[in-house]
PDB file of all heavy atoms in Angstrom:
ATOM      1  N   ARG A   1       0.857  -1.203   0.023  1.00  0.00           N
ATOM      2  CA  ARG A   1       0.062  -0.062  -0.001  1.00  0.00           C
ATOM      3  C   ARG A   1       0.942   1.236  -0.061  1.00  0.00           C
ATOM      4  O   ARG A   1       0.617   2.253  -0.701  1.00  0.00           O
ATOM      5  CB  ARG A   1      -0.929   0.024   1.138  1.00  0.00           C
ATOM      6  CG  ARG A   1      -1.987   1.089   1.139  1.00  0.00           C
ATOM      7  CD  ARG A   1      -2.843   1.026   0.024  1.00  0.00           C
ATOM      8  NE  ARG A   1      -3.794   2.052  -0.082  1.00  0.00           N
ATOM      9  CZ  ARG A   1      -4.131   2.737  -1.254  1.00  0.00           C
ATOM     10  NH1 ARG A   1      -3.673   2.313  -2.403  1.00  0.00           N
ATOM     11  NH2 ARG A   1      -4.974   3.783  -1.117  1.00  0.00           N
ATOM     12  N   PHE A   2       1.852   1.202   0.850  1.00  0.00           N
ATOM     13  CA  PHE A   2       2.876   2.403   0.793  1.00  0.00           C
ATOM     14  C   PHE A   2       3.467   2.559  -0.536  1.00  0.00           C
ATOM     15  O   PHE A   2       3.608   3.648  -1.025  1.00  0.00           O
ATOM     16  CB  PHE A   2       3.856   2.034   1.970  1.00  0.00           C
ATOM     17  CG  PHE A   2       4.937   3.199   2.225  1.00  0.00           C
ATOM     18  CD1 PHE A   2       4.825   4.451   1.601  1.00  0.00           C
ATOM     19  CD2 PHE A   2       6.005   2.984   3.200  1.00  0.00           C
ATOM     20  CE1 PHE A   2       5.673   5.461   1.975  1.00  0.00           C
ATOM     21  CE2 PHE A   2       6.796   3.952   3.507  1.00  0.00           C
ATOM     22  CZ  PHE A   2       6.648   5.137   2.905  1.00  0.00           C
ATOM     23  N   ASP A   3       3.852   1.412  -1.149  1.00  0.00           N
ATOM     24  CA  ASP A   3       4.479   1.512  -2.429  1.00  0.00           C
ATOM     25  C   ASP A   3       3.493   2.077  -3.479  1.00  0.00           C
ATOM     26  O   ASP A   3       3.858   2.805  -4.416  1.00  0.00           O
ATOM     27  CB  ASP A   3       5.040   0.202  -2.980  1.00  0.00           C
ATOM     28  CG  ASP A   3       5.964   0.321  -4.135  1.00  0.00           C
ATOM     29  OD1 ASP A   3       6.919   1.166  -4.109  1.00  0.00           O
ATOM     30  OD2 ASP A   3       5.722  -0.362  -5.095  1.00  0.00           O
ATOM     31  N   ALA A   4       2.149   1.628  -3.458  1.00  0.00           N
ATOM     32  CA  ALA A   4       1.234   2.263  -4.300  1.00  0.00           C
ATOM     33  C   ALA A   4       1.058   3.789  -4.122  1.00  0.00           C
ATOM     34  O   ALA A   4       0.865   4.536  -5.039  1.00  0.00           O
ATOM     35  CB  ALA A   4      -0.203   1.553  -4.118  1.00  0.00           C
ATOM     36  N   PHE A   5       1.126   4.307  -2.903  1.00  0.00           N
ATOM     37  CA  PHE A   5       1.171   5.631  -2.584  1.00  0.00           C
ATOM     38  C   PHE A   5       2.397   6.306  -3.196  1.00  0.00           C
ATOM     39  O   PHE A   5       2.452   7.496  -3.677  1.00  0.00           O
ATOM     40  CB  PHE A   5       1.052   6.032  -1.188  1.00  0.00           C
ATOM     41  CG  PHE A   5      -0.222   5.946  -0.647  1.00  0.00           C
ATOM     42  CD1 PHE A   5      -0.726   5.164   0.502  1.00  0.00           C
ATOM     43  CD2 PHE A   5      -1.296   6.745  -1.212  1.00  0.00           C
ATOM     44  CE1 PHE A   5      -1.923   5.173   0.845  1.00  0.00           C
ATOM     45  CE2 PHE A   5      -2.619   6.675  -0.721  1.00  0.00           C
ATOM     46  CZ  PHE A   5      -2.998   5.900   0.391  1.00  0.00           C
ATOM     47  N   ARG A   6       3.593   5.610  -3.192  1.00  0.00           N
ATOM     48  CA  ARG A   6       4.889   6.156  -3.842  1.00  0.00           C
ATOM     49  C   ARG A   6       4.473   6.416  -5.318  1.00  0.00           C
ATOM     50  O   ARG A   6       4.847   7.580  -5.898  1.00  0.00           O
ATOM     51  CB  ARG A   6       5.883   5.043  -3.792  1.00  0.00           C
ATOM     52  CG  ARG A   6       7.214   5.568  -4.611  1.00  0.00           C
ATOM     53  CD  ARG A   6       8.257   4.399  -4.511  1.00  0.00           C
ATOM     54  NE  ARG A   6       7.800   3.250  -5.139  1.00  0.00           N
ATOM     55  CZ  ARG A   6       7.980   2.992  -6.520  1.00  0.00           C
ATOM     56  NH1 ARG A   6       8.454   3.997  -7.341  1.00  0.00           N
ATOM     57  NH2 ARG A   6       7.546   1.770  -6.937  1.00  0.00           N
ATOM     58  N   LYS A   7       3.886   5.569  -6.094  1.00  0.00           N
ATOM     59  CA  LYS A   7       3.549   5.652  -7.450  1.00  0.00           C
ATOM     60  C   LYS A   7       2.557   6.827  -7.778  1.00  0.00           C
ATOM     61  O   LYS A   7       2.747   7.786  -8.482  1.00  0.00           O
ATOM     62  CB  LYS A   7       3.078   4.420  -8.095  1.00  0.00           C
ATOM     63  CG  LYS A   7       4.016   3.283  -8.056  1.00  0.00           C
ATOM     64  CD  LYS A   7       3.459   1.978  -8.489  1.00  0.00           C
ATOM     65  CE  LYS A   7       4.394   0.834  -8.181  1.00  0.00           C
ATOM     66  NZ  LYS A   7       3.819  -0.457  -8.455  1.00  0.00           N
ATOM     67  N   LYS A   8       1.546   6.961  -6.888  1.00  0.00           N
ATOM     68  CA  LYS A   8       0.487   8.038  -6.926  1.00  0.00           C
ATOM     69  C   LYS A   8       1.250   9.433  -6.624  1.00  0.00           C
ATOM     70  O   LYS A   8       1.003  10.273  -7.399  1.00  0.00           O
ATOM     71  CB  LYS A   8      -0.526   7.814  -5.967  1.00  0.00           C
ATOM     72  CG  LYS A   8      -1.683   8.878  -6.040  1.00  0.00           C
ATOM     73  CD  LYS A   8      -2.980   8.502  -5.511  1.00  0.00           C
ATOM     74  CE  LYS A   8      -3.742   7.570  -6.423  1.00  0.00           C
ATOM     75  NZ  LYS A   8      -4.535   8.308  -7.378  1.00  0.00           N
ATOM     76  N   ARG A   9       2.049   9.369  -5.612  1.00  0.00           N
ATOM     77  CA  ARG A   9       2.762  10.661  -5.375  1.00  0.00           C
ATOM     78  C   ARG A   9       3.730  11.163  -6.462  1.00  0.00           C
ATOM     79  O   ARG A   9       3.716  12.249  -6.840  1.00  0.00           O
ATOM     80  CB  ARG A   9       3.716  10.448  -4.015  1.00  0.00           C
ATOM     81  CG  ARG A   9       4.562  11.716  -3.656  1.00  0.00           C
ATOM     82  CD  ARG A   9       5.841  11.161  -3.639  1.00  0.00           C
ATOM     83  NE  ARG A   9       6.770  12.290  -3.512  1.00  0.00           N
ATOM     84  CZ  ARG A   9       7.882  12.354  -4.112  1.00  0.00           C
ATOM     85  NH1 ARG A   9       8.276  11.514  -5.022  1.00  0.00           N
ATOM     86  NH2 ARG A   9       8.720  13.374  -3.983  1.00  0.00           N
ATOM     87  N   ASN A  10       4.197  10.175  -7.090  1.00  0.00           N
ATOM     88  CA  ASN A  10       5.179  10.548  -8.262  1.00  0.00           C
ATOM     89  C   ASN A  10       4.334  11.146  -9.470  1.00  0.00           C
ATOM     90  O   ASN A  10       4.719  12.183 -10.018  1.00  0.00           O
ATOM     91  CB  ASN A  10       5.903   9.303  -8.821  1.00  0.00           C
ATOM     92  CG  ASN A  10       7.183   8.904  -7.927  1.00  0.00           C
ATOM     93  OD1 ASN A  10       7.521   9.628  -7.046  1.00  0.00           O
ATOM     94  ND2 ASN A  10       7.567   7.791  -8.205  1.00  0.00           N
ATOM     95  N   LEU A  11       3.056  10.672  -9.687  1.00  0.00           N
ATOM     96  CA  LEU A  11       2.357  11.301 -10.646  1.00  0.00           C
ATOM     97  C   LEU A  11       1.884  12.631 -10.327  1.00  0.00           C
ATOM     98  O   LEU A  11       1.894  13.570 -11.196  1.00  0.00           O
ATOM     99  CB  LEU A  11       1.102  10.238 -10.916  1.00  0.00           C
ATOM    100  CG  LEU A  11       1.380   9.023 -11.652  1.00  0.00           C
ATOM    101  CD1 LEU A  11       0.076   8.147 -11.707  1.00  0.00           C
ATOM    102  CD2 LEU A  11       1.764   9.327 -13.023  1.00  0.00           C
ATOM    103  N   GLY A  12       1.437  12.736  -9.098  1.00  0.00           N
ATOM    104  CA  GLY A  12       0.952  14.054  -8.591  1.00  0.00           C
ATOM    105  C   GLY A  12       2.053  15.083  -8.464  1.00  0.00           C
ATOM    106  O   GLY A  12       1.647  16.291  -8.820  1.00  0.00           O
ATOM    107  N   ALA A  13       3.243  14.565  -8.215  1.00  0.00           N
ATOM    108  CA  ALA A  13       4.333  15.542  -8.006  1.00  0.00           C
ATOM    109  C   ALA A  13       4.995  15.994  -9.338  1.00  0.00           C
ATOM    110  O   ALA A  13       5.556  17.195  -9.520  1.00  0.00           O
ATOM    111  CB  ALA A  13       5.240  15.043  -6.973  1.00  0.00           C
ATOM    112  N   TYR A  14       4.986  15.290 -10.340  1.00  0.00           N
ATOM    113  CA  TYR A  14       5.798  15.393 -11.416  1.00  0.00           C
ATOM    114  C   TYR A  14       4.954  15.399 -12.796  1.00  0.00           C
ATOM    115  O   TYR A  14       5.534  15.989 -13.763  1.00  0.00           O
ATOM    116  CB  TYR A  14       6.847  14.182 -11.614  1.00  0.00           C
ATOM    117  CG  TYR A  14       7.772  14.175 -10.435  1.00  0.00           C
ATOM    118  CD1 TYR A  14       7.796  13.043  -9.597  1.00  0.00           C
ATOM    119  CD2 TYR A  14       8.535  15.299 -10.099  1.00  0.00           C
ATOM    120  CE1 TYR A  14       8.686  12.980  -8.507  1.00  0.00           C
ATOM    121  CE2 TYR A  14       9.491  15.302  -8.953  1.00  0.00           C
ATOM    122  CZ  TYR A  14       9.479  14.105  -8.284  1.00  0.00           C
ATOM    123  OH  TYR A  14      10.320  14.069  -7.162  1.00  0.00           O
ATOM    124  N   GLU A  15       3.790  14.918 -12.909  1.00  0.00           N
ATOM    125  CA  GLU A  15       3.258  14.703 -14.201  1.00  0.00           C
ATOM    126  C   GLU A  15       1.769  15.407 -14.246  1.00  0.00           C
ATOM    127  O   GLU A  15       1.564  15.983 -15.188  1.00  0.00           O
ATOM    128  CB  GLU A  15       2.872  13.267 -14.538  1.00  0.00           C
ATOM    129  CG  GLU A  15       4.327  12.650 -14.654  1.00  0.00           C
ATOM    130  CD  GLU A  15       4.166  11.125 -15.099  1.00  0.00           C
ATOM    131  OE1 GLU A  15       3.197  10.685 -15.677  1.00  0.00           O
ATOM    132  OE2 GLU A  15       5.099  10.312 -14.801  1.00  0.00           O
ATOM    133  N   ARG A  16       1.023  15.348 -13.254  1.00  0.00           N
ATOM    134  CA  ARG A  16      -0.494  15.699 -13.374  1.00  0.00           C
ATOM    135  C   ARG A  16      -0.966  16.254 -12.080  1.00  0.00           C
ATOM    136  O   ARG A  16      -0.776  15.526 -10.922  1.00  0.00           O
ATOM    137  CB  ARG A  16      -1.213  14.582 -13.817  1.00  0.00           C
ATOM    138  CG  ARG A  16      -2.151  14.903 -15.028  1.00  0.00           C
ATOM    139  CD  ARG A  16      -2.899  13.701 -15.505  1.00  0.00           C
ATOM    140  NE  ARG A  16      -2.495  12.471 -14.873  1.00  0.00           N
ATOM    141  CZ  ARG A  16      -2.775  11.288 -15.446  1.00  0.00           C
ATOM    142  NH1 ARG A  16      -3.566  11.322 -16.545  1.00  0.00           N
ATOM    143  NH2 ARG A  16      -2.501  10.192 -14.833  1.00  0.00           N
ATOM    144  N   ALA A  17      -1.632  17.256 -11.972  1.00  0.00           N
ATOM    145  CA  ALA A  17      -2.309  17.885 -10.772  1.00  0.00           C
ATOM    146  C   ALA A  17      -3.582  17.071 -10.681  1.00  0.00           C
ATOM    147  O   ALA A  17      -4.257  16.624 -11.599  1.00  0.00           O
ATOM    148  CB  ALA A  17      -2.502  19.281 -10.861  1.00  0.00           C
ATOM    149  N   GLY A  18      -4.062  16.998  -9.337  1.00  0.00           N
ATOM    150  CA  GLY A  18      -5.427  16.432  -9.140  1.00  0.00           C
ATOM    151  C   GLY A  18      -5.508  14.914  -9.061  1.00  0.00           C
ATOM    152  O   GLY A  18      -6.490  14.305  -9.215  1.00  0.00           O
ATOM    153  N   MET A  19      -4.264  14.250  -8.757  1.00  0.00           N
ATOM    154  CA  MET A  19      -4.105  12.800  -8.821  1.00  0.00           C
ATOM    155  C   MET A  19      -4.701  12.143  -7.525  1.00  0.00           C
ATOM    156  O   MET A  19      -5.216  11.035  -7.609  1.00  0.00           O
ATOM    157  CB  MET A  19      -2.817  12.382  -9.103  1.00  0.00           C
ATOM    158  CG  MET A  19      -2.171  12.574 -10.500  1.00  0.00           C
ATOM    159  SD  MET A  19      -3.125  11.872 -11.657  1.00  0.00           S
ATOM    160  CE  MET A  19      -2.818   9.987 -11.264  1.00  0.00           C
ATOM    161  N   ALA A  20      -4.676  12.953  -6.457  1.00  0.00           N
ATOM    162  CA  ALA A  20      -4.988  12.415  -5.123  1.00  0.00           C
ATOM    163  C   ALA A  20      -6.239  12.949  -4.671  1.00  0.00           C
ATOM    164  O   ALA A  20      -6.646  14.120  -4.942  1.00  0.00           O
ATOM    165  CB  ALA A  20      -3.940  12.625  -4.158  1.00  0.00           C
ATOM    166  N   SER A  21      -7.096  12.155  -4.111  1.00  0.00           N
ATOM    167  CA  SER A  21      -8.369  12.513  -3.403  1.00  0.00           C
ATOM    168  C   SER A  21      -8.003  12.936  -1.962  1.00  0.00           C
ATOM    169  O   SER A  21      -7.091  12.586  -1.391  1.00  0.00           O
ATOM    170  CB  SER A  21      -9.314  11.488  -3.453  1.00  0.00           C
ATOM    171  OG  SER A  21      -9.024  10.433  -2.558  1.00  0.00           O
ATOM    172  N   ASP A  22      -9.080  13.610  -1.305  1.00  0.00           N
ATOM    173  CA  ASP A  22      -8.923  13.912   0.040  1.00  0.00           C
ATOM    174  C   ASP A  22      -8.803  12.585   0.813  1.00  0.00           C
ATOM    175  O   ASP A  22      -8.061  12.508   1.791  1.00  0.00           O
ATOM    176  CB  ASP A  22     -10.108  14.693   0.497  1.00  0.00           C
ATOM    177  CG  ASP A  22     -10.085  16.146   0.123  1.00  0.00           C
ATOM    178  OD1 ASP A  22      -8.973  16.680  -0.270  1.00  0.00           O
ATOM    179  OD2 ASP A  22     -11.177  16.749   0.009  1.00  0.00           O
ATOM    180  N   GLY A  23      -9.647  11.545   0.503  1.00  0.00           N
ATOM    181  CA  GLY A  23      -9.483  10.206   1.201  1.00  0.00           C
ATOM    182  C   GLY A  23      -8.180   9.615   1.045  1.00  0.00           C
ATOM    183  O   GLY A  23      -7.677   9.022   2.029  1.00  0.00           O
ATOM    184  N   GLU A  24      -7.578   9.750   0.039  1.00  0.00           N
ATOM    185  CA  GLU A  24      -6.275   9.155  -0.301  1.00  0.00           C
ATOM    186  C   GLU A  24      -5.167   9.909   0.602  1.00  0.00           C
ATOM    187  O   GLU A  24      -4.258   9.287   1.181  1.00  0.00           O
ATOM    188  CB  GLU A  24      -5.772   9.048  -1.647  1.00  0.00           C
ATOM    189  CG  GLU A  24      -6.470   8.091  -2.438  1.00  0.00           C
ATOM    190  CD  GLU A  24      -6.404   8.184  -4.003  1.00  0.00           C
ATOM    191  OE1 GLU A  24      -6.346   9.415  -4.540  1.00  0.00           O
ATOM    192  OE2 GLU A  24      -6.363   7.211  -4.666  1.00  0.00           O
TER     193      GLU A  24
END
């Protein structure tokens, strides 16, 4: 789960805004 957040964080930090929800 932590590693899945690593991947999501990379997308949100480097590629696209709005990748994470408030719940995430």
